[in-house]
């Protein structure tokens, strides 16, 4: 486990050089003025970045600040946050955080609240019950 203390950004990705195909695993923030445990910069190209098991450490610290997708997560922990390749002006992304848009799947219709813009695939769905889109915080079948 990697624990940071006394830095504004625990890990800063893509600030000086291109960062392709990297994995950050089991990281926890600290104290001493830290603002972001992991900060993904948009100054250089960042593709295929996988972040697994990141923890806030201290309340108020941002777990992940992603300048590429304009996403900031302040979850106490994030199990997974993955950025893929640039696609048509955007990026593919998957996260376990309920506070960011993602694409999930399962063998039943989704239930509960969701982040607007998220997509869910029901692998056993039928006509009009296979693809769901989160609109205004609720799931709608398409």
N, C-alpha and C. Protein backbone atom coordinates (compact mmCIF):
# COMPACT_ATOMS: atom_id res chain seq x y z
N UNK A 1 0.85 -1.16 0.00
CA UNK A 1 0.00 0.00 0.00
C UNK A 1 0.90 1.24 0.00
N UNK A 2 0.54 2.20 -0.83
CA UNK A 2 1.27 3.46 -0.93
C UNK A 2 0.45 4.56 -0.27
N UNK A 3 1.04 5.27 0.70
CA UNK A 3 0.36 6.35 1.40
C UNK A 3 1.16 7.63 1.21
N UNK A 4 0.46 8.71 0.83
CA UNK A 4 1.11 9.99 0.59
C UNK A 4 0.75 10.99 1.67
N UNK A 5 1.71 11.84 2.04
CA UNK A 5 1.46 12.93 2.97
C UNK A 5 2.30 14.13 2.57
N UNK A 6 1.73 15.34 2.66
CA UNK A 6 2.48 16.55 2.45
C UNK A 6 2.60 17.00 1.00
N UNK A 7 1.86 16.40 0.07
CA UNK A 7 1.88 16.80 -1.33
C UNK A 7 0.50 17.28 -1.74
N UNK A 8 0.41 18.24 -2.67
CA UNK A 8 -0.89 18.67 -3.18
C UNK A 8 -1.53 17.54 -3.97
N UNK A 9 -0.76 16.87 -4.83
CA UNK A 9 -1.20 15.71 -5.60
C UNK A 9 -0.33 14.52 -5.21
N UNK A 10 -0.97 13.44 -4.76
CA UNK A 10 -0.20 12.24 -4.42
C UNK A 10 0.49 11.68 -5.64
N UNK A 11 -0.28 11.47 -6.71
CA UNK A 11 0.26 11.03 -8.00
C UNK A 11 -0.33 11.93 -9.07
N UNK A 12 0.53 12.51 -9.90
CA UNK A 12 0.11 13.38 -10.99
C UNK A 12 0.49 12.69 -12.30
N UNK A 13 -0.53 12.31 -13.07
CA UNK A 13 -0.32 11.55 -14.31
C UNK A 13 -0.49 12.48 -15.51
N UNK A 14 0.45 12.44 -16.45
CA UNK A 14 0.31 13.17 -17.70
C UNK A 14 0.64 14.65 -17.65
N UNK A 15 1.33 15.10 -16.63
CA UNK A 15 1.64 16.54 -16.56
C UNK A 15 2.84 16.92 -17.41
N UNK A 16 3.79 16.00 -17.58
CA UNK A 16 5.01 16.31 -18.33
C UNK A 16 5.22 15.44 -19.56
N UNK A 17 4.68 14.23 -19.55
CA UNK A 17 4.91 13.29 -20.64
C UNK A 17 3.65 12.49 -20.93
N UNK A 18 3.59 11.93 -22.13
CA UNK A 18 2.52 11.01 -22.50
C UNK A 18 2.52 9.83 -21.53
N UNK A 19 1.33 9.39 -21.14
CA UNK A 19 1.20 8.25 -20.23
C UNK A 19 0.25 7.24 -20.85
N UNK A 20 0.81 6.17 -21.37
CA UNK A 20 0.01 5.11 -22.02
C UNK A 20 0.15 3.80 -21.25
N UNK A 21 -0.97 3.11 -21.07
CA UNK A 21 -0.99 1.75 -20.51
C UNK A 21 -0.35 1.68 -19.13
N UNK A 22 -0.91 2.42 -18.18
CA UNK A 22 -0.41 2.41 -16.80
C UNK A 22 -1.46 1.88 -15.85
N UNK A 23 -1.00 1.28 -14.75
CA UNK A 23 -1.87 0.78 -13.70
C UNK A 23 -1.41 1.37 -12.38
N UNK A 24 -2.34 1.98 -11.65
CA UNK A 24 -2.07 2.49 -10.31
C UNK A 24 -2.92 1.64 -9.36
N UNK A 25 -2.29 1.07 -8.33
CA UNK A 25 -2.97 0.08 -7.50
C UNK A 25 -2.72 0.31 -6.02
N UNK A 26 -3.79 0.28 -5.23
CA UNK A 26 -3.74 0.29 -3.77
C UNK A 26 -3.03 1.54 -3.23
N UNK A 27 -3.66 2.70 -3.41
CA UNK A 27 -3.09 3.98 -3.04
C UNK A 27 -4.02 4.68 -2.06
N UNK A 28 -3.47 5.26 -1.01
CA UNK A 28 -4.27 5.98 -0.02
C UNK A 28 -3.68 7.36 0.20
N UNK A 29 -4.55 8.37 0.26
CA UNK A 29 -4.13 9.74 0.51
C UNK A 29 -3.71 9.93 1.94
N UNK A 30 -3.24 11.12 2.24
CA UNK A 30 -2.76 11.38 3.59
C UNK A 30 -3.24 12.71 4.11
N UNK A 31 -2.41 13.35 4.89
CA UNK A 31 -2.72 14.63 5.50
C UNK A 31 -1.66 15.65 5.07
N UNK A 32 -1.75 16.84 5.61
CA UNK A 32 -0.72 17.82 5.34
C UNK A 32 -0.96 18.65 4.09
N UNK A 33 -2.20 19.04 3.85
CA UNK A 33 -2.50 19.91 2.72
C UNK A 33 -2.77 19.20 1.41
N UNK A 34 -2.88 17.88 1.40
CA UNK A 34 -3.15 17.15 0.17
C UNK A 34 -4.51 17.56 -0.39
N UNK A 35 -4.57 17.79 -1.71
CA UNK A 35 -5.82 18.12 -2.37
C UNK A 35 -6.36 16.93 -3.16
N UNK A 36 -5.50 16.20 -3.86
CA UNK A 36 -5.91 15.09 -4.73
C UNK A 36 -5.00 13.89 -4.50
N UNK A 37 -5.59 12.73 -4.27
CA UNK A 37 -4.77 11.52 -4.16
C UNK A 37 -4.18 11.20 -5.53
N UNK A 38 -5.04 11.19 -6.57
CA UNK A 38 -4.58 10.99 -7.94
C UNK A 38 -5.14 12.12 -8.80
N UNK A 39 -4.27 12.77 -9.56
CA UNK A 39 -4.65 13.87 -10.44
C UNK A 39 -4.23 13.50 -11.85
N UNK A 40 -5.21 13.41 -12.77
CA UNK A 40 -4.94 13.09 -14.17
C UNK A 40 -4.94 14.40 -14.94
N UNK A 41 -3.78 14.79 -15.44
CA UNK A 41 -3.62 16.06 -16.14
C UNK A 41 -3.99 15.92 -17.62
N UNK A 42 -4.42 17.02 -18.21
CA UNK A 42 -4.73 17.03 -19.65
C UNK A 42 -3.61 17.69 -20.46
N UNK A 43 -2.47 17.97 -19.83
CA UNK A 43 -1.35 18.61 -20.54
C UNK A 43 -0.72 17.67 -21.57
N UNK A 44 -0.67 16.38 -21.29
CA UNK A 44 -0.11 15.38 -22.21
C UNK A 44 -1.15 14.29 -22.42
N UNK A 45 -0.96 13.48 -23.44
CA UNK A 45 -1.90 12.40 -23.75
C UNK A 45 -1.84 11.33 -22.66
N UNK A 46 -3.02 10.95 -22.17
CA UNK A 46 -3.16 9.84 -21.21
C UNK A 46 -4.17 8.87 -21.81
N UNK A 47 -3.73 7.64 -22.07
CA UNK A 47 -4.59 6.58 -22.63
C UNK A 47 -4.43 5.31 -21.81
N UNK A 48 -5.49 4.53 -21.73
CA UNK A 48 -5.44 3.21 -21.10
C UNK A 48 -4.84 3.26 -19.70
N UNK A 49 -5.45 4.07 -18.85
CA UNK A 49 -5.03 4.20 -17.45
C UNK A 49 -6.03 3.45 -16.58
N UNK A 50 -5.52 2.54 -15.76
CA UNK A 50 -6.36 1.80 -14.81
C UNK A 50 -5.95 2.15 -13.39
N UNK A 51 -6.92 2.60 -12.61
CA UNK A 51 -6.69 2.93 -11.21
C UNK A 51 -7.54 1.96 -10.39
N UNK A 52 -6.91 1.22 -9.51
CA UNK A 52 -7.59 0.22 -8.70
C UNK A 52 -7.33 0.48 -7.22
N UNK A 53 -8.38 0.48 -6.42
CA UNK A 53 -8.31 0.60 -4.96
C UNK A 53 -7.59 1.87 -4.52
N UNK A 54 -8.24 3.00 -4.69
CA UNK A 54 -7.69 4.26 -4.21
C UNK A 54 -8.57 4.78 -3.08
N UNK A 55 -7.94 5.25 -2.02
CA UNK A 55 -8.66 5.73 -0.86
C UNK A 55 -8.32 7.18 -0.55
N UNK A 56 -9.29 7.88 -0.03
CA UNK A 56 -9.19 9.30 0.28
C UNK A 56 -8.17 9.58 1.38
N UNK A 57 -8.13 8.73 2.38
CA UNK A 57 -7.22 8.95 3.50
C UNK A 57 -7.80 9.90 4.53
N UNK A 58 -8.02 11.16 4.16
CA UNK A 58 -8.57 12.18 5.04
C UNK A 58 -9.80 12.79 4.39
N UNK A 59 -10.87 12.97 5.14
CA UNK A 59 -12.09 13.57 4.60
C UNK A 59 -11.77 14.92 3.96
N UNK A 60 -12.40 15.18 2.84
CA UNK A 60 -12.20 16.44 2.13
C UNK A 60 -11.17 16.37 1.02
N UNK A 61 -10.33 15.35 1.04
CA UNK A 61 -9.35 15.15 -0.03
C UNK A 61 -10.07 14.52 -1.22
N UNK A 62 -9.79 14.99 -2.43
CA UNK A 62 -10.39 14.41 -3.62
C UNK A 62 -9.66 13.11 -3.96
N UNK A 63 -10.42 12.05 -4.13
CA UNK A 63 -9.83 10.76 -4.42
C UNK A 63 -9.20 10.77 -5.82
N UNK A 64 -9.98 11.22 -6.83
CA UNK A 64 -9.48 11.30 -8.20
C UNK A 64 -9.94 12.62 -8.81
N UNK A 65 -8.99 13.36 -9.36
CA UNK A 65 -9.31 14.57 -10.13
C UNK A 65 -8.85 14.30 -11.55
N UNK A 66 -9.80 14.23 -12.47
CA UNK A 66 -9.53 13.87 -13.86
C UNK A 66 -9.80 15.09 -14.75
N UNK A 67 -8.75 15.76 -15.18
CA UNK A 67 -8.90 16.93 -16.05
C UNK A 67 -9.33 16.55 -17.46
N UNK A 68 -9.08 15.32 -17.88
CA UNK A 68 -9.42 14.88 -19.24
C UNK A 68 -10.93 14.81 -19.43
N UNK A 69 -11.63 14.23 -18.47
CA UNK A 69 -13.08 14.08 -18.57
C UNK A 69 -13.83 15.06 -17.67
N UNK A 70 -13.10 16.00 -17.07
CA UNK A 70 -13.69 17.00 -16.17
C UNK A 70 -14.49 16.34 -15.05
N UNK A 71 -13.88 15.33 -14.42
CA UNK A 71 -14.52 14.58 -13.35
C UNK A 71 -13.69 14.69 -12.08
N UNK A 72 -14.36 14.96 -10.97
CA UNK A 72 -13.71 14.96 -9.67
C UNK A 72 -14.51 14.07 -8.74
N UNK A 73 -13.85 13.09 -8.14
CA UNK A 73 -14.50 12.17 -7.21
C UNK A 73 -13.96 12.40 -5.80
N UNK A 74 -14.86 12.53 -4.85
CA UNK A 74 -14.49 12.68 -3.45
C UNK A 74 -14.99 11.50 -2.63
N UNK A 75 -15.18 10.35 -3.29
CA UNK A 75 -15.60 9.13 -2.61
C UNK A 75 -14.53 8.74 -1.58
N UNK A 76 -14.94 8.14 -0.48
CA UNK A 76 -13.97 7.66 0.51
C UNK A 76 -13.03 6.64 -0.13
N UNK A 77 -13.57 5.77 -0.97
CA UNK A 77 -12.77 4.81 -1.74
C UNK A 77 -13.37 4.64 -3.13
N UNK A 78 -12.52 4.32 -4.09
CA UNK A 78 -12.96 3.99 -5.44
C UNK A 78 -12.30 2.67 -5.80
N UNK A 79 -13.11 1.67 -6.11
CA UNK A 79 -12.58 0.35 -6.44
C UNK A 79 -11.89 0.31 -7.79
N UNK A 80 -12.48 1.00 -8.79
CA UNK A 80 -11.89 1.01 -10.13
C UNK A 80 -12.26 2.29 -10.86
N UNK A 81 -11.29 2.82 -11.60
CA UNK A 81 -11.50 3.98 -12.45
C UNK A 81 -10.59 3.76 -13.65
N UNK A 82 -11.19 3.58 -14.82
CA UNK A 82 -10.43 3.20 -16.01
C UNK A 82 -10.75 4.16 -17.15
N UNK A 83 -9.71 4.72 -17.75
CA UNK A 83 -9.86 5.56 -18.94
C UNK A 83 -9.24 4.82 -20.11
N UNK A 84 -9.98 4.76 -21.22
CA UNK A 84 -9.49 4.08 -22.42
C UNK A 84 -8.87 5.06 -23.40
N UNK A 85 -9.21 4.88 -24.66
CA UNK A 85 -8.69 5.71 -25.75
C UNK A 85 -9.65 6.86 -26.03
N UNK A 86 -9.10 7.91 -26.67
CA UNK A 86 -9.94 9.02 -27.13
C UNK A 86 -10.87 8.52 -28.22
N UNK A 87 -12.16 8.89 -28.12
CA UNK A 87 -13.16 8.47 -29.11
C UNK A 87 -14.01 9.67 -29.47
N UNK A 88 -13.91 10.15 -30.70
CA UNK A 88 -14.78 11.22 -31.20
C UNK A 88 -14.88 12.43 -30.29
N UNK A 89 -13.78 12.90 -29.76
CA UNK A 89 -13.80 14.07 -28.89
C UNK A 89 -14.04 13.74 -27.43
N UNK A 90 -14.29 12.49 -27.09
CA UNK A 90 -14.48 12.07 -25.71
C UNK A 90 -13.57 10.90 -25.38
N UNK A 91 -13.80 10.27 -24.25
CA UNK A 91 -13.00 9.13 -23.82
C UNK A 91 -13.93 8.03 -23.34
N UNK A 92 -13.51 6.78 -23.52
CA UNK A 92 -14.23 5.69 -22.88
C UNK A 92 -13.78 5.65 -21.43
N UNK A 93 -14.74 5.39 -20.53
CA UNK A 93 -14.41 5.36 -19.11
C UNK A 93 -15.33 4.37 -18.41
N UNK A 94 -14.77 3.68 -17.42
CA UNK A 94 -15.55 2.82 -16.54
C UNK A 94 -15.11 3.12 -15.11
N UNK A 95 -16.06 3.19 -14.21
CA UNK A 95 -15.74 3.37 -12.80
C UNK A 95 -16.77 2.67 -11.92
N UNK A 96 -16.34 2.28 -10.75
CA UNK A 96 -17.27 1.71 -9.78
C UNK A 96 -17.92 2.79 -8.93
N UNK A 97 -17.48 4.03 -9.07
CA UNK A 97 -18.07 5.14 -8.30
C UNK A 97 -19.47 5.43 -8.81
N UNK A 98 -20.42 5.60 -7.91
CA UNK A 98 -21.78 5.98 -8.33
C UNK A 98 -21.88 7.47 -8.66
N UNK A 99 -20.78 8.19 -8.55
CA UNK A 99 -20.79 9.63 -8.76
C UNK A 99 -20.20 10.07 -10.10
N UNK A 100 -20.03 9.14 -11.02
CA UNK A 100 -19.53 9.47 -12.36
C UNK A 100 -20.23 8.58 -13.39
N UNK A 101 -20.38 9.10 -14.59
CA UNK A 101 -21.02 8.34 -15.68
C UNK A 101 -20.18 7.11 -16.01
N UNK A 102 -20.85 5.97 -16.21
CA UNK A 102 -20.16 4.73 -16.51
C UNK A 102 -21.06 3.82 -17.35
N UNK A 103 -20.56 2.68 -17.77
CA UNK A 103 -21.33 1.67 -18.48
C UNK A 103 -21.20 0.37 -17.71
N UNK A 104 -22.33 -0.17 -17.27
CA UNK A 104 -22.32 -1.41 -16.53
C UNK A 104 -23.17 -2.46 -17.21
N UNK A 105 -23.14 -3.69 -16.69
CA UNK A 105 -23.96 -4.76 -17.25
C UNK A 105 -24.31 -5.76 -16.16
N UNK A 106 -25.35 -6.55 -16.43
CA UNK A 106 -25.78 -7.58 -15.52
C UNK A 106 -26.89 -8.40 -16.16
N UNK A 107 -27.41 -9.38 -15.44
CA UNK A 107 -28.40 -10.29 -16.02
C UNK A 107 -29.83 -9.95 -15.59
N UNK A 108 -30.05 -8.73 -15.12
CA UNK A 108 -31.39 -8.27 -14.74
C UNK A 108 -31.48 -6.77 -15.00
N UNK A 109 -32.69 -6.26 -14.99
CA UNK A 109 -32.88 -4.82 -15.17
C UNK A 109 -32.26 -4.06 -14.00
N UNK A 110 -31.67 -2.89 -14.25
CA UNK A 110 -31.06 -2.13 -13.16
C UNK A 110 -32.12 -1.53 -12.23
N UNK A 111 -31.76 -1.35 -10.98
CA UNK A 111 -32.65 -0.73 -10.00
C UNK A 111 -31.88 0.34 -9.24
N UNK A 112 -32.60 1.27 -8.65
CA UNK A 112 -31.98 2.30 -7.84
C UNK A 112 -31.59 3.53 -8.63
N UNK A 113 -31.01 4.48 -7.94
CA UNK A 113 -30.61 5.73 -8.58
C UNK A 113 -29.32 5.54 -9.36
N UNK A 114 -29.04 6.50 -10.25
CA UNK A 114 -27.87 6.41 -11.10
C UNK A 114 -27.42 7.79 -11.51
N UNK A 115 -26.21 7.89 -12.04
CA UNK A 115 -25.67 9.15 -12.54
C UNK A 115 -26.17 9.34 -13.97
N UNK A 116 -26.88 10.45 -14.23
CA UNK A 116 -27.45 10.72 -15.55
C UNK A 116 -26.39 10.61 -16.64
N UNK A 117 -26.73 9.87 -17.70
CA UNK A 117 -25.80 9.63 -18.80
C UNK A 117 -25.19 8.25 -18.76
N UNK A 118 -25.32 7.53 -17.63
CA UNK A 118 -24.78 6.18 -17.53
C UNK A 118 -25.59 5.22 -18.40
N UNK A 119 -24.95 4.13 -18.81
CA UNK A 119 -25.59 3.12 -19.66
C UNK A 119 -25.47 1.77 -18.96
N UNK A 120 -26.50 0.94 -19.11
CA UNK A 120 -26.51 -0.39 -18.52
C UNK A 120 -27.01 -1.38 -19.56
N UNK A 121 -26.31 -2.50 -19.71
CA UNK A 121 -26.72 -3.57 -20.63
C UNK A 121 -27.24 -4.75 -19.84
N UNK A 122 -28.50 -5.16 -20.10
CA UNK A 122 -29.10 -6.34 -19.49
C UNK A 122 -28.80 -7.50 -20.42
N UNK A 123 -27.91 -8.39 -20.01
CA UNK A 123 -27.45 -9.48 -20.88
C UNK A 123 -28.51 -10.54 -21.15
N UNK A 124 -29.62 -10.53 -20.40
CA UNK A 124 -30.70 -11.50 -20.65
C UNK A 124 -31.98 -10.80 -21.07
N UNK A 125 -31.87 -9.52 -21.43
CA UNK A 125 -33.05 -8.73 -21.80
C UNK A 125 -33.62 -9.12 -23.15
N UNK A 126 -34.84 -8.69 -23.38
CA UNK A 126 -35.52 -8.92 -24.64
C UNK A 126 -35.70 -7.61 -25.38
N UNK A 127 -36.67 -7.58 -26.26
CA UNK A 127 -36.96 -6.37 -27.02
C UNK A 127 -37.28 -5.23 -26.08
N UNK A 128 -36.58 -4.11 -26.20
CA UNK A 128 -36.77 -2.90 -25.41
C UNK A 128 -36.42 -3.08 -23.92
N UNK A 129 -35.76 -4.18 -23.54
CA UNK A 129 -35.33 -4.34 -22.15
C UNK A 129 -33.87 -4.78 -22.07
N UNK A 130 -33.08 -4.52 -23.11
CA UNK A 130 -31.68 -4.89 -23.12
C UNK A 130 -30.78 -3.71 -22.75
N UNK A 131 -31.08 -2.53 -23.28
CA UNK A 131 -30.25 -1.35 -23.04
C UNK A 131 -31.02 -0.33 -22.21
N UNK A 132 -30.39 0.15 -21.14
CA UNK A 132 -30.98 1.15 -20.26
C UNK A 132 -30.07 2.37 -20.21
N UNK A 133 -30.67 3.54 -20.18
CA UNK A 133 -29.93 4.79 -20.06
C UNK A 133 -30.45 5.53 -18.84
N UNK A 134 -29.54 6.09 -18.07
CA UNK A 134 -29.92 6.84 -16.89
C UNK A 134 -30.29 8.26 -17.30
N UNK A 135 -31.53 8.64 -17.03
CA UNK A 135 -32.03 9.98 -17.34
C UNK A 135 -32.58 10.57 -16.06
N UNK A 136 -32.11 11.75 -15.69
CA UNK A 136 -32.57 12.45 -14.48
C UNK A 136 -32.48 11.57 -13.23
N UNK A 137 -31.44 10.74 -13.15
CA UNK A 137 -31.20 9.93 -11.97
C UNK A 137 -31.96 8.62 -11.89
N UNK A 138 -32.69 8.24 -12.96
CA UNK A 138 -33.42 6.97 -12.98
C UNK A 138 -33.21 6.22 -14.29
N UNK A 139 -33.34 4.90 -14.26
CA UNK A 139 -33.10 4.06 -15.43
C UNK A 139 -34.31 4.02 -16.36
N UNK A 140 -34.05 4.16 -17.67
CA UNK A 140 -35.10 4.11 -18.69
C UNK A 140 -34.69 3.09 -19.74
N UNK A 141 -35.59 2.13 -20.04
CA UNK A 141 -35.30 1.10 -21.05
C UNK A 141 -35.40 1.68 -22.45
N UNK A 142 -34.50 1.23 -23.32
CA UNK A 142 -34.51 1.66 -24.72
C UNK A 142 -34.42 0.45 -25.63
